[in-house]
Amino acid sequence: MNKKPPIVICMGSSCFARGNNKNLRIIEEYFEKRGLPAEIEITGSCCEKNCSDGPNVVINGKTYSKVDTGVIMDLLKQYFP
C-alpha cells in the first residue's frame, strides 16, 4: 500500500479562529467517509509562523495558506482522491 502524505494543521489561536477548527472537522469527515482514518497521519502544530496568512495547513511538507473550506476540499481531492 502506498503511504499517504502527512497533514499538519496549524492549531495556533489565529489559524484556529480563522477556520482551521472547521478544516479539521472537514478533514476528519472526508477520511471517515472513505474509510481512510487509520492510513492518514494528521498532527497539529502550535504555530506555523505565518499567522497573517492563516489558516495554514501543511500537506506532504508543502505549506498552504489562507485555506478556507473550499480550498481544503480541493487539497483533499488532490492528495487523497
Protein backbone atom coordinates (compact mmCIF):
# COMPACT_ATOMS: atom_id res chain seq x y z
CA MET A 1 0.00 0.00 0.00
CA ASN A 2 1.26 3.49 -0.82
CA LYS A 3 1.99 5.69 2.16
CA LYS A 4 -0.34 8.67 2.25
CA PRO A 5 1.17 12.14 2.72
CA PRO A 6 1.00 13.52 6.27
CA ILE A 7 -1.15 16.52 7.18
CA VAL A 8 -0.15 19.14 9.74
CA ILE A 9 -2.84 21.57 10.85
CA CYS A 10 -1.80 24.82 12.50
CA MET A 11 -3.61 24.94 15.84
CA GLY A 12 -2.37 28.40 16.80
CA SER A 13 -5.12 30.69 18.03
CA SER A 14 -5.12 32.83 14.87
CA CYS A 15 -5.34 29.93 12.41
CA PHE A 16 -7.80 28.03 14.54
CA ALA A 17 -10.11 31.04 14.84
CA ARG A 18 -9.78 31.82 11.11
CA GLY A 19 -11.02 28.40 10.08
CA ASN A 20 -8.75 25.51 10.95
CA ASN A 21 -11.33 24.40 13.50
CA LYS A 22 -13.72 23.85 10.56
CA ASN A 23 -10.96 22.47 8.35
CA LEU A 24 -10.11 19.82 10.94
CA ARG A 25 -13.74 18.63 11.00
CA ILE A 26 -13.86 18.57 7.20
CA ILE A 27 -10.65 16.52 7.02
CA GLU A 28 -11.90 14.01 9.59
CA GLU A 29 -15.27 13.64 7.84
CA TYR A 30 -13.60 13.28 4.42
CA PHE A 31 -11.44 10.39 5.62
CA GLU A 32 -14.22 8.71 7.60
CA LYS A 33 -16.48 8.64 4.53
CA ARG A 34 -13.67 6.99 2.55
CA GLY A 35 -12.57 4.58 5.27
CA LEU A 36 -9.08 6.11 5.41
CA PRO A 37 -8.57 7.39 9.01
CA ALA A 38 -6.11 4.69 10.03
CA GLU A 39 -3.94 5.33 6.97
CA ILE A 40 -3.57 9.09 7.37
CA GLU A 41 -1.19 10.86 9.74
CA ILE A 42 -2.83 14.07 10.97
CA THR A 43 -0.99 16.18 13.51
CA GLY A 44 -1.34 19.65 14.92
CA SER A 45 1.36 22.26 15.27
CA CYS A 46 1.40 25.07 17.81
CA CYS A 47 2.16 27.64 15.11
CA GLU A 48 3.40 27.63 11.52
CA LYS A 49 4.80 31.20 11.95
CA ASN A 50 2.62 32.58 9.16
CA CYS A 51 -0.31 33.93 11.18
CA SER A 52 -1.19 36.81 8.87
CA ASP A 53 -1.85 34.37 6.01
CA GLY A 54 -3.72 31.76 8.05
CA PRO A 55 -5.33 29.40 8.32
CA ASN A 56 -2.28 27.32 7.39
CA VAL A 57 -2.18 23.62 6.57
CA VAL A 58 0.89 21.58 5.61
CA ILE A 59 0.43 18.53 3.37
CA ASN A 60 3.39 16.37 2.45
CA GLY A 61 5.78 19.12 3.59
CA LYS A 62 4.19 21.88 1.48
CA THR A 63 2.57 24.80 3.33
CA TYR A 64 -0.77 26.09 2.10
CA SER A 65 -2.03 29.44 3.39
CA LYS A 66 -5.46 31.08 3.50
CA VAL A 67 -7.01 27.62 3.48
CA ASP A 68 -10.77 28.03 3.65
CA THR A 69 -13.29 25.20 3.45
CA GLY A 70 -13.29 25.21 -0.35
CA VAL A 71 -9.51 25.10 -0.56
CA ILE A 72 -9.23 22.25 1.96
CA MET A 73 -11.68 20.17 -0.09
CA ASP A 74 -9.65 20.81 -3.26
CA LEU A 75 -6.45 19.79 -1.46
CA LEU A 76 -8.04 16.63 -0.07
CA LYS A 77 -9.27 15.63 -3.52
CA GLN A 78 -5.82 16.32 -4.97
CA TYR A 79 -3.80 14.39 -2.37
CA PHE A 80 -6.35 11.76 -1.33
CA PRO A 81 -8.57 11.02 -4.36
